[in-house]
Amino acid sequence: MQLDLVLHKLAHKNLCFTTEKPQDLEDIVLALKCRNQEEMFKVFAIEYEKPIVKRVPYNENEVIKQAAFSNNQAMVLKNSDYSFIEHLVSLNKSLLFKIFDDINGKFYFSRLEFESGFIRDFESMQISYLSHFNHRLFKTAVLVDNKKLGYIYFSCKGS
């Protein structure tokens, strides 16, 4: 199943998920599009009444402490204390900071394009930086257990 997840903005309130596209597109926090051979469906997340009162951070340095970096690539073995997405986001952010060590701003996870949905389990993850658009949007290829999975995108906002 193909998966395309786009994060439009940082949420400040709890999210409500719907299959109906909001009338005001500014309300969309994230959009998820899934497609298989027979059908395609979309899910949208919009902010709901209650503010987020607690975020649970994870230690990105711990996730990637055993990672290997070379040229525009990085590889890490699975650390069972962390999820697939925590591995991917931490590894990609670290790689981008190594490549663009002079960049002024903060990297934000903004999109996933996967050919075969999410991965539940893996042994190793490899990523290869591919390109950027005006130092605002950065594209990286994702391989899991030596199989191409798709792409992750990060945006960079000035500090």
N, C-alpha and C. Protein backbone atom coordinates (compact mmCIF):
# COMPACT_ATOMS: atom_id res chain seq x y z
N MET A 1 0.84 -1.18 0.00
CA MET A 1 0.00 0.00 0.00
C MET A 1 0.88 1.24 0.00
N GLN A 2 0.65 2.13 -0.94
CA GLN A 2 1.38 3.39 -0.99
C GLN A 2 0.86 4.32 0.10
N LEU A 3 1.79 5.08 0.66
CA LEU A 3 1.44 5.99 1.75
C LEU A 3 2.09 7.34 1.49
N ASP A 4 1.32 8.39 1.62
CA ASP A 4 1.84 9.75 1.49
C ASP A 4 1.31 10.56 2.66
N LEU A 5 2.20 10.89 3.59
CA LEU A 5 1.84 11.63 4.80
C LEU A 5 2.49 13.00 4.73
N VAL A 6 1.67 14.06 4.80
CA VAL A 6 2.18 15.42 4.72
C VAL A 6 1.79 16.17 5.99
N LEU A 7 2.79 16.70 6.68
CA LEU A 7 2.54 17.51 7.88
C LEU A 7 2.59 18.97 7.47
N HIS A 8 1.48 19.68 7.66
CA HIS A 8 1.37 21.06 7.22
C HIS A 8 1.85 22.07 8.25
N LYS A 9 1.66 21.73 9.53
CA LYS A 9 2.06 22.66 10.58
C LYS A 9 2.14 21.91 11.90
N LEU A 10 2.74 22.55 12.88
CA LEU A 10 2.86 21.99 14.21
C LEU A 10 1.52 22.13 14.93
N ALA A 11 1.07 21.06 15.56
CA ALA A 11 -0.20 21.08 16.29
C ALA A 11 -0.01 21.70 17.66
N HIS A 12 -0.96 22.51 18.06
CA HIS A 12 -0.97 23.11 19.40
C HIS A 12 -2.15 22.62 20.23
N LYS A 13 -3.07 21.95 19.56
CA LYS A 13 -4.24 21.37 20.23
C LYS A 13 -4.35 19.90 19.83
N ASN A 14 -5.14 19.15 20.58
CA ASN A 14 -5.38 17.75 20.23
C ASN A 14 -5.96 17.68 18.82
N LEU A 15 -5.75 16.53 18.17
CA LEU A 15 -6.18 16.38 16.79
C LEU A 15 -7.46 15.56 16.67
N CYS A 16 -8.22 15.90 15.66
CA CYS A 16 -9.42 15.16 15.28
C CYS A 16 -9.18 14.69 13.84
N PHE A 17 -9.46 13.43 13.55
CA PHE A 17 -9.22 12.88 12.22
C PHE A 17 -10.54 12.71 11.49
N THR A 18 -10.53 13.02 10.20
CA THR A 18 -11.73 12.94 9.39
C THR A 18 -11.37 12.56 7.96
N THR A 19 -12.30 11.95 7.27
CA THR A 19 -12.10 11.64 5.84
C THR A 19 -12.67 12.75 4.97
N GLU A 20 -13.34 13.72 5.58
CA GLU A 20 -13.89 14.85 4.84
C GLU A 20 -12.88 15.99 4.83
N LYS A 21 -12.59 16.48 3.64
CA LYS A 21 -11.63 17.58 3.51
C LYS A 21 -12.21 18.84 4.15
N PRO A 22 -11.48 19.47 5.07
CA PRO A 22 -11.98 20.70 5.70
C PRO A 22 -12.19 21.81 4.67
N GLN A 23 -13.21 22.61 4.89
CA GLN A 23 -13.48 23.72 3.97
C GLN A 23 -12.35 24.75 4.01
N ASP A 24 -11.85 25.02 5.19
CA ASP A 24 -10.73 25.95 5.32
C ASP A 24 -9.44 25.14 5.33
N LEU A 25 -8.70 25.18 4.25
CA LEU A 25 -7.48 24.37 4.12
C LEU A 25 -6.42 24.75 5.14
N GLU A 26 -6.49 25.95 5.69
CA GLU A 26 -5.56 26.38 6.74
C GLU A 26 -5.72 25.56 8.01
N ASP A 27 -6.86 24.90 8.17
CA ASP A 27 -7.13 24.09 9.36
C ASP A 27 -6.38 22.76 9.35
N ILE A 28 -5.92 22.32 8.19
CA ILE A 28 -5.30 21.00 8.07
C ILE A 28 -3.94 21.00 8.75
N VAL A 29 -3.76 20.09 9.71
CA VAL A 29 -2.48 19.89 10.38
C VAL A 29 -1.68 18.84 9.62
N LEU A 30 -2.35 17.76 9.23
CA LEU A 30 -1.69 16.73 8.42
C LEU A 30 -2.70 16.09 7.50
N ALA A 31 -2.18 15.57 6.40
CA ALA A 31 -3.00 14.85 5.43
C ALA A 31 -2.32 13.52 5.13
N LEU A 32 -3.10 12.47 5.13
CA LEU A 32 -2.59 11.13 4.85
C LEU A 32 -3.36 10.57 3.67
N LYS A 33 -2.61 10.13 2.65
CA LYS A 33 -3.22 9.52 1.47
C LYS A 33 -2.67 8.10 1.36
N CYS A 34 -3.57 7.13 1.28
CA CYS A 34 -3.18 5.72 1.13
C CYS A 34 -3.81 5.17 -0.14
N ARG A 35 -3.04 4.33 -0.84
CA ARG A 35 -3.54 3.78 -2.10
C ARG A 35 -3.07 2.33 -2.23
N ASN A 36 -4.00 1.47 -2.62
CA ASN A 36 -3.63 0.12 -3.01
C ASN A 36 -4.13 -0.10 -4.43
N GLN A 37 -4.18 -1.34 -4.90
CA GLN A 37 -4.58 -1.59 -6.29
C GLN A 37 -6.04 -1.21 -6.56
N GLU A 38 -6.91 -1.32 -5.55
CA GLU A 38 -8.33 -1.10 -5.77
C GLU A 38 -8.82 0.30 -5.42
N GLU A 39 -8.23 0.91 -4.41
CA GLU A 39 -8.81 2.17 -3.93
C GLU A 39 -7.77 3.11 -3.36
N MET A 40 -8.23 4.35 -3.17
CA MET A 40 -7.41 5.37 -2.54
C MET A 40 -8.29 6.11 -1.54
N PHE A 41 -7.73 6.40 -0.38
CA PHE A 41 -8.50 7.19 0.58
C PHE A 41 -7.59 8.21 1.24
N LYS A 42 -8.22 9.28 1.73
CA LYS A 42 -7.50 10.37 2.39
C LYS A 42 -8.06 10.57 3.79
N VAL A 43 -7.16 10.91 4.71
CA VAL A 43 -7.53 11.25 6.08
C VAL A 43 -6.87 12.58 6.40
N PHE A 44 -7.62 13.46 7.03
CA PHE A 44 -7.12 14.78 7.41
C PHE A 44 -7.15 14.91 8.93
N ALA A 45 -6.17 15.59 9.47
CA ALA A 45 -6.17 15.89 10.91
C ALA A 45 -6.32 17.40 11.07
N ILE A 46 -7.24 17.78 11.94
CA ILE A 46 -7.43 19.18 12.27
C ILE A 46 -7.36 19.33 13.78
N GLU A 47 -7.02 20.52 14.22
CA GLU A 47 -6.94 20.75 15.67
C GLU A 47 -8.34 20.76 16.27
N TYR A 48 -8.41 20.23 17.48
CA TYR A 48 -9.66 20.13 18.21
C TYR A 48 -9.54 20.96 19.47
N GLU A 49 -10.60 21.13 20.20
CA GLU A 49 -10.75 22.04 21.33
C GLU A 49 -9.57 22.14 22.30
N LYS A 50 -9.13 21.03 22.84
CA LYS A 50 -8.21 21.06 23.98
C LYS A 50 -6.75 21.26 23.56
N PRO A 51 -6.07 22.20 24.22
CA PRO A 51 -4.64 22.40 23.94
C PRO A 51 -3.82 21.18 24.37
N ILE A 52 -2.72 20.96 23.68
CA ILE A 52 -1.79 19.91 24.08
C ILE A 52 -1.07 20.42 25.32
N VAL A 53 -1.17 19.68 26.42
CA VAL A 53 -0.57 20.14 27.67
C VAL A 53 0.76 19.46 27.95
N LYS A 54 1.02 18.35 27.27
CA LYS A 54 2.28 17.64 27.52
C LYS A 54 2.75 16.96 26.25
N ARG A 55 3.99 17.16 25.92
CA ARG A 55 4.63 16.44 24.81
C ARG A 55 5.69 15.55 25.44
N VAL A 56 5.83 14.36 24.90
CA VAL A 56 6.80 13.41 25.45
C VAL A 56 7.99 13.33 24.50
N PRO A 57 9.08 13.99 24.86
CA PRO A 57 10.26 13.96 23.99
C PRO A 57 10.99 12.62 24.09
N TYR A 58 11.77 12.33 23.09
CA TYR A 58 12.64 11.16 23.15
C TYR A 58 14.06 11.64 22.86
N ASN A 59 15.03 10.86 23.27
CA ASN A 59 16.43 11.25 23.15
C ASN A 59 16.95 10.89 21.76
N GLU A 60 16.96 11.86 20.86
CA GLU A 60 17.41 11.62 19.49
C GLU A 60 18.87 11.17 19.46
N ASN A 61 19.70 11.72 20.34
CA ASN A 61 21.11 11.32 20.37
C ASN A 61 21.28 9.86 20.74
N GLU A 62 20.43 9.37 21.63
CA GLU A 62 20.48 7.96 22.02
C GLU A 62 20.10 7.05 20.85
N VAL A 63 19.12 7.48 20.07
CA VAL A 63 18.66 6.68 18.93
C VAL A 63 19.79 6.49 17.93
N ILE A 64 20.57 7.53 17.70
CA ILE A 64 21.57 7.49 16.62
C ILE A 64 23.00 7.35 17.12
N LYS A 65 23.20 7.05 18.38
CA LYS A 65 24.57 7.02 18.90
C LYS A 65 25.44 5.97 18.21
N GLN A 66 24.85 4.93 17.67
CA GLN A 66 25.61 3.90 16.95
C GLN A 66 25.56 4.09 15.43
N ALA A 67 25.01 5.20 14.97
CA ALA A 67 24.87 5.44 13.53
C ALA A 67 26.22 5.69 12.87
N ALA A 68 26.31 5.30 11.61
CA ALA A 68 27.51 5.55 10.80
C ALA A 68 27.14 6.56 9.71
N PHE A 69 27.99 7.58 9.55
CA PHE A 69 27.75 8.62 8.55
C PHE A 69 28.91 8.62 7.57
N SER A 70 28.58 8.71 6.27
CA SER A 70 29.60 8.73 5.24
C SER A 70 29.05 9.49 4.04
N ASN A 71 29.80 10.50 3.60
CA ASN A 71 29.35 11.35 2.50
C ASN A 71 27.96 11.88 2.81
N ASN A 72 27.00 11.61 1.96
CA ASN A 72 25.63 12.08 2.17
C ASN A 72 24.70 10.95 2.59
N GLN A 73 25.26 9.97 3.29
CA GLN A 73 24.48 8.80 3.70
C GLN A 73 24.67 8.53 5.18
N ALA A 74 23.70 7.77 5.72
CA ALA A 74 23.78 7.36 7.12
C ALA A 74 23.13 6.00 7.26
N MET A 75 23.58 5.24 8.25
CA MET A 75 23.02 3.92 8.52
C MET A 75 22.99 3.72 10.02
N VAL A 76 21.92 3.06 10.49
CA VAL A 76 21.80 2.75 11.91
C VAL A 76 21.13 1.40 12.06
N LEU A 77 21.58 0.65 13.07
CA LEU A 77 20.92 -0.60 13.42
C LEU A 77 19.79 -0.29 14.38
N LYS A 78 18.83 -1.17 14.43
CA LYS A 78 17.65 -0.96 15.27
C LYS A 78 18.03 -0.91 16.75
N ASN A 79 17.47 0.07 17.45
CA ASN A 79 17.54 0.17 18.90
C ASN A 79 16.12 -0.12 19.38
N SER A 80 15.92 -1.23 20.04
CA SER A 80 14.57 -1.69 20.36
C SER A 80 13.81 -0.77 21.31
N ASP A 81 14.49 0.20 21.91
CA ASP A 81 13.80 1.14 22.80
C ASP A 81 13.03 2.22 22.03
N TYR A 82 13.22 2.29 20.72
CA TYR A 82 12.63 3.37 19.93
C TYR A 82 11.86 2.82 18.73
N SER A 83 10.89 3.61 18.27
CA SER A 83 10.04 3.20 17.15
C SER A 83 10.75 3.43 15.81
N PHE A 84 10.14 2.89 14.78
CA PHE A 84 10.64 3.08 13.42
C PHE A 84 10.73 4.57 13.08
N ILE A 85 9.66 5.30 13.35
CA ILE A 85 9.63 6.72 12.98
C ILE A 85 10.62 7.53 13.82
N GLU A 86 10.84 7.16 15.07
CA GLU A 86 11.84 7.84 15.89
C GLU A 86 13.24 7.61 15.32
N HIS A 87 13.52 6.40 14.84
CA HIS A 87 14.80 6.14 14.18
C HIS A 87 14.94 7.01 12.93
N LEU A 88 13.91 7.00 12.10
CA LEU A 88 13.99 7.69 10.81
C LEU A 88 14.14 9.20 10.98
N VAL A 89 13.34 9.80 11.82
CA VAL A 89 13.40 11.25 12.03
C VAL A 89 14.74 11.65 12.64
N SER A 90 15.19 10.92 13.65
CA SER A 90 16.47 11.24 14.31
C SER A 90 17.65 11.11 13.35
N LEU A 91 17.66 10.02 12.58
CA LEU A 91 18.77 9.78 11.66
C LEU A 91 18.80 10.84 10.56
N ASN A 92 17.65 11.16 10.00
CA ASN A 92 17.62 12.14 8.92
C ASN A 92 18.00 13.54 9.42
N LYS A 93 17.48 13.92 10.57
CA LYS A 93 17.81 15.24 11.11
C LYS A 93 19.32 15.34 11.37
N SER A 94 19.90 14.29 11.92
CA SER A 94 21.33 14.29 12.20
C SER A 94 22.14 14.37 10.90
N LEU A 95 21.73 13.62 9.88
CA LEU A 95 22.43 13.67 8.60
C LEU A 95 22.36 15.07 8.00
N LEU A 96 21.19 15.68 8.02
CA LEU A 96 21.06 17.03 7.46
C LEU A 96 21.93 18.04 8.20
N PHE A 97 22.01 17.92 9.52
CA PHE A 97 22.88 18.82 10.28
C PHE A 97 24.35 18.60 9.94
N LYS A 98 24.74 17.37 9.64
CA LYS A 98 26.13 17.10 9.25
C LYS A 98 26.44 17.66 7.86
N ILE A 99 25.49 17.54 6.94
CA ILE A 99 25.70 18.04 5.59
C ILE A 99 25.64 19.56 5.55
N PHE A 100 24.66 20.12 6.24
CA PHE A 100 24.42 21.57 6.22
C PHE A 100 24.74 22.16 7.59
N ASP A 101 26.00 22.05 7.99
CA ASP A 101 26.39 22.49 9.33
C ASP A 101 26.35 24.01 9.49
N ASP A 102 26.24 24.73 8.39
CA ASP A 102 26.20 26.19 8.46
C ASP A 102 24.78 26.75 8.34
N ILE A 103 23.80 25.87 8.29
CA ILE A 103 22.42 26.34 8.08
C ILE A 103 21.90 27.04 9.33
N ASN A 104 21.19 28.11 9.12
CA ASN A 104 20.60 28.88 10.21
C ASN A 104 19.12 28.55 10.25
N GLY A 105 18.70 27.73 11.18
CA GLY A 105 17.29 27.39 11.27
C GLY A 105 17.09 26.07 11.96
N LYS A 106 15.85 25.62 11.94
CA LYS A 106 15.48 24.38 12.60
C LYS A 106 14.83 23.46 11.58
N PHE A 107 15.20 22.17 11.62
CA PHE A 107 14.61 21.19 10.71
C PHE A 107 13.33 20.61 11.30
N TYR A 108 12.32 20.48 10.44
CA TYR A 108 11.04 19.89 10.83
C TYR A 108 10.70 18.76 9.87
N PHE A 109 10.31 17.63 10.43
CA PHE A 109 9.80 16.51 9.65
C PHE A 109 8.52 16.97 8.96
N SER A 110 8.46 16.85 7.61
CA SER A 110 7.29 17.36 6.92
C SER A 110 6.58 16.41 5.98
N ARG A 111 7.23 15.32 5.55
CA ARG A 111 6.52 14.43 4.62
C ARG A 111 7.18 13.06 4.56
N LEU A 112 6.34 12.05 4.35
CA LEU A 112 6.79 10.70 4.03
C LEU A 112 6.10 10.26 2.75
N GLU A 113 6.85 9.67 1.84
CA GLU A 113 6.29 9.03 0.65
C GLU A 113 6.84 7.61 0.64
N PHE A 114 6.01 6.66 0.96
CA PHE A 114 6.45 5.26 1.01
C PHE A 114 5.66 4.43 0.01
N GLU A 115 6.36 3.55 -0.67
CA GLU A 115 5.71 2.67 -1.64
C GLU A 115 4.95 1.53 -1.00
N SER A 116 5.34 1.15 0.22
CA SER A 116 4.71 -0.04 0.82
C SER A 116 4.29 0.18 2.27
N GLY A 117 3.80 1.36 2.58
CA GLY A 117 3.28 1.63 3.92
C GLY A 117 4.37 1.70 4.97
N PHE A 118 3.94 1.66 6.23
CA PHE A 118 4.88 1.72 7.34
C PHE A 118 5.54 0.38 7.58
N ILE A 119 6.70 0.42 8.20
CA ILE A 119 7.44 -0.77 8.58
C ILE A 119 7.23 -1.00 10.06
N ARG A 120 6.87 -2.21 10.43
CA ARG A 120 6.68 -2.53 11.84
C ARG A 120 7.98 -2.98 12.49
N ASP A 121 8.79 -3.69 11.75
CA ASP A 121 10.03 -4.22 12.32
C ASP A 121 11.14 -4.11 11.27
N PHE A 122 12.35 -3.96 11.74
CA PHE A 122 13.48 -3.84 10.83
C PHE A 122 14.76 -4.14 11.60
N GLU A 123 15.80 -4.42 10.88
CA GLU A 123 17.12 -4.65 11.48
C GLU A 123 18.04 -3.44 11.27
N SER A 124 17.98 -2.87 10.06
CA SER A 124 18.84 -1.72 9.77
C SER A 124 18.09 -0.72 8.90
N MET A 125 18.54 0.52 9.01
CA MET A 125 17.94 1.61 8.24
C MET A 125 19.08 2.39 7.60
N GLN A 126 18.94 2.66 6.31
CA GLN A 126 19.91 3.46 5.58
C GLN A 126 19.17 4.62 4.94
N ILE A 127 19.80 5.79 4.94
CA ILE A 127 19.22 6.94 4.26
C ILE A 127 20.30 7.59 3.40
N SER A 128 19.85 8.21 2.30
CA SER A 128 20.76 8.91 1.39
C SER A 128 20.14 10.26 1.03
N TYR A 129 20.83 11.32 1.41
CA TYR A 129 20.35 12.66 1.07
C TYR A 129 20.37 12.81 -0.45
N LEU A 130 19.29 13.36 -1.02
CA LEU A 130 19.19 13.50 -2.47
C LEU A 130 19.25 14.94 -2.95
N SER A 131 18.42 15.81 -2.37
CA SER A 131 18.34 17.16 -2.93
C SER A 131 17.64 18.11 -1.95
N HIS A 132 17.68 19.39 -2.32
CA HIS A 132 16.94 20.40 -1.56
C HIS A 132 16.38 21.42 -2.52
N PHE A 133 15.36 22.11 -2.08
CA PHE A 133 14.78 23.20 -2.84
C PHE A 133 15.03 24.48 -2.06
N ASN A 134 15.99 25.27 -2.54
CA ASN A 134 16.29 26.57 -1.95
C ASN A 134 16.54 26.52 -0.44
N HIS A 135 17.14 25.43 0.02
CA HIS A 135 17.42 25.23 1.45
C HIS A 135 16.16 25.34 2.31
N ARG A 136 15.00 25.04 1.74
CA ARG A 136 13.74 25.08 2.48
C ARG A 136 13.13 23.69 2.63
N LEU A 137 13.29 22.84 1.61
CA LEU A 137 12.73 21.50 1.63
C LEU A 137 13.82 20.52 1.21
N PHE A 138 14.04 19.47 2.02
CA PHE A 138 15.14 18.54 1.84
C PHE A 138 14.58 17.13 1.63
N LYS A 139 15.06 16.44 0.60
CA LYS A 139 14.56 15.11 0.24
C LYS A 139 15.64 14.07 0.48
N THR A 140 15.26 12.98 1.14
CA THR A 140 16.18 11.90 1.48
C THR A 140 15.53 10.56 1.14
N ALA A 141 16.30 9.67 0.50
CA ALA A 141 15.81 8.32 0.19
C ALA A 141 15.95 7.45 1.44
N VAL A 142 14.99 6.54 1.62
CA VAL A 142 14.95 5.67 2.80
C VAL A 142 15.02 4.22 2.34
N LEU A 143 15.97 3.48 2.92
CA LEU A 143 16.08 2.04 2.69
C LEU A 143 15.99 1.34 4.04
N VAL A 144 15.26 0.25 4.07
CA VAL A 144 15.14 -0.54 5.29
C VAL A 144 15.54 -1.97 4.95
N ASP A 145 16.50 -2.49 5.70
CA ASP A 145 17.04 -3.83 5.44
C ASP A 145 17.43 -3.98 3.97
N ASN A 146 18.07 -2.93 3.44
CA ASN A 146 18.59 -2.88 2.07
C ASN A 146 17.51 -2.87 0.99
N LYS A 147 16.27 -2.56 1.34
CA LYS A 147 15.19 -2.45 0.35
C LYS A 147 14.68 -1.01 0.35
N LYS A 148 14.53 -0.46 -0.86
CA LYS A 148 14.05 0.92 -0.97
C LYS A 148 12.60 1.00 -0.48
N LEU A 149 12.38 1.94 0.42
CA LEU A 149 11.05 2.13 0.99
C LEU A 149 10.37 3.37 0.41
N GLY A 150 11.13 4.44 0.21
CA GLY A 150 10.56 5.68 -0.31
C GLY A 150 11.39 6.87 0.10
N TYR A 151 10.71 7.96 0.50
CA TYR A 151 11.40 9.21 0.78
C TYR A 151 10.86 9.87 2.05
N ILE A 152 11.74 10.60 2.72
CA ILE A 152 11.35 11.46 3.83
C ILE A 152 11.78 12.88 3.46
N TYR A 153 10.95 13.84 3.84
CA TYR A 153 11.22 15.24 3.57
C TYR A 153 11.26 16.01 4.89
N PHE A 154 12.18 16.94 4.96
CA PHE A 154 12.25 17.86 6.09
C PHE A 154 12.18 19.28 5.53
N SER A 155 11.56 20.16 6.27
CA SER A 155 11.60 21.58 5.92
C SER A 155 12.51 22.28 6.92
N CYS A 156 13.00 23.43 6.53
CA CYS A 156 13.87 24.21 7.42
C CYS A 156 13.27 25.59 7.58
N LYS A 157 13.07 25.96 8.82
CA LYS A 157 12.52 27.28 9.15
C LYS A 157 13.61 28.07 9.86
N GLY A 158 13.75 29.33 9.50
CA GLY A 158 14.75 30.20 10.12
C GLY A 158 14.52 30.36 11.61
N SER A 159 15.62 30.55 12.33
CA SER A 159 15.49 30.69 13.79
C SER A 159 15.22 32.11 14.20
